[in-house]
């Protein structure tokens, strides 16, 4: 939904200003203009932000480990596509 906790709150505020409620189907939650909804949105946004930071940290560590081991970084080269013939 957003990249930071602040963006989550801004999106929620924008929705409330327009008279919209945000529904989270998986958890069967409705975020509206109430205080519990704002607290829930803040906690969910913070958890997502922390998870993104952890993913970034793990990726950086794994790439550094592969680099020190002398292994190639990045995607493997793709296979050359076969030429397709169009005809009858």
Protein backbone atom coordinates (compact mmCIF):
# COMPACT_ATOMS: atom_id res chain seq x y z
CA UNK A 1 0.00 0.00 0.00
CA UNK A 2 2.86 2.39 0.80
CA UNK A 3 6.61 2.55 1.29
CA UNK A 4 6.57 3.98 4.82
CA UNK A 5 4.38 4.34 7.88
CA UNK A 6 3.91 8.03 7.09
CA UNK A 7 2.64 7.19 3.59
CA UNK A 8 0.15 4.68 5.05
CA UNK A 9 -1.26 7.37 7.33
CA UNK A 10 -1.37 9.90 4.47
CA UNK A 11 -3.27 7.46 2.25
CA UNK A 12 -5.69 6.68 5.07
CA UNK A 13 -6.22 10.41 5.71
CA UNK A 14 -6.87 11.02 2.00
CA UNK A 15 -9.43 8.21 1.94
CA UNK A 16 -11.17 9.51 5.04
CA UNK A 17 -11.28 13.03 3.55
CA UNK A 18 -13.12 11.58 0.54
CA UNK A 19 -15.47 9.56 2.73
CA UNK A 20 -13.92 6.17 1.85
CA UNK A 21 -13.17 3.24 4.11
CA UNK A 22 -10.20 0.98 3.45
CA UNK A 23 -11.03 -2.74 3.60
CA UNK A 24 -8.32 -5.33 4.20
CA UNK A 25 -9.93 -8.52 2.92
CA UNK A 26 -7.42 -11.05 4.19
CA UNK A 27 -7.72 -9.95 7.82
CA UNK A 28 -11.38 -8.91 7.44
CA UNK A 29 -10.59 -5.41 8.72
CA UNK A 30 -12.07 -2.04 7.91
CA UNK A 31 -9.93 1.07 8.42
CA UNK A 32 -12.03 4.17 8.89
CA UNK A 33 -11.66 7.48 10.71
CA UNK A 34 -11.61 5.94 14.20
CA UNK A 35 -8.66 5.94 16.58
CA UNK A 36 -8.34 2.11 16.60
CA UNK A 37 -8.16 2.17 12.80
CA UNK A 38 -5.35 4.72 12.87
CA UNK A 39 -3.45 2.66 15.44
CA UNK A 40 -3.91 -0.49 13.36
CA UNK A 41 -2.75 1.29 10.19
CA UNK A 42 0.32 2.63 12.01
CA UNK A 43 1.27 -0.80 13.36
CA UNK A 44 0.76 -2.53 9.99
CA UNK A 45 2.72 0.18 8.18
CA UNK A 46 5.56 -0.02 10.68
CA UNK A 47 5.72 -3.81 10.41
CA UNK A 48 5.89 -3.58 6.60
CA UNK A 49 8.59 -0.91 6.78
CA UNK A 50 10.70 -3.03 9.15
CA UNK A 51 10.26 -6.10 6.92
CA UNK A 52 11.46 -4.13 3.87
CA UNK A 53 14.54 -3.02 5.80
CA UNK A 54 15.28 -6.61 6.87
CA UNK A 55 14.90 -7.89 3.29
CA UNK A 56 17.28 -5.21 2.06
CA UNK A 57 19.81 -6.05 4.78
CA UNK A 58 19.66 -9.80 4.03
CA UNK A 59 20.06 -9.16 0.30
CA UNK A 60 23.08 -6.90 0.85
CA UNK A 61 24.71 -9.46 3.17
CA UNK A 62 24.08 -12.34 0.75
CA UNK A 63 25.56 -10.40 -2.18
CA UNK A 64 28.63 -9.47 -0.13
CA UNK A 65 29.10 -13.11 0.87
CA UNK A 66 28.85 -14.31 -2.75
CA UNK A 67 31.28 -11.60 -3.85
CA UNK A 68 33.91 -12.60 -1.26
CA UNK A 69 33.45 -16.25 -2.29
CA UNK A 70 34.18 -15.28 -5.89
CA UNK A 71 30.78 -16.34 -7.17
CA UNK A 72 29.02 -14.42 -9.91
CA UNK A 73 26.44 -11.84 -8.87
CA UNK A 74 23.09 -11.08 -10.44
CA UNK A 75 20.89 -13.02 -12.78
CA UNK A 76 22.40 -15.80 -14.86
CA UNK A 77 22.65 -15.07 -18.56
CA UNK A 78 19.54 -16.05 -20.47
CA UNK A 79 19.33 -18.71 -23.12
CA UNK A 80 19.38 -17.63 -26.71
CA UNK A 81 15.92 -17.86 -28.11
CA UNK A 82 15.26 -20.12 -31.06
CA UNK A 83 14.28 -18.33 -34.17
CA UNK A 84 10.71 -19.03 -35.02
CA UNK A 85 9.65 -19.48 -38.55
CA UNK A 86 6.36 -18.10 -39.69
CA UNK A 87 4.97 -19.90 -42.64
CA UNK A 88 2.28 -22.13 -44.03
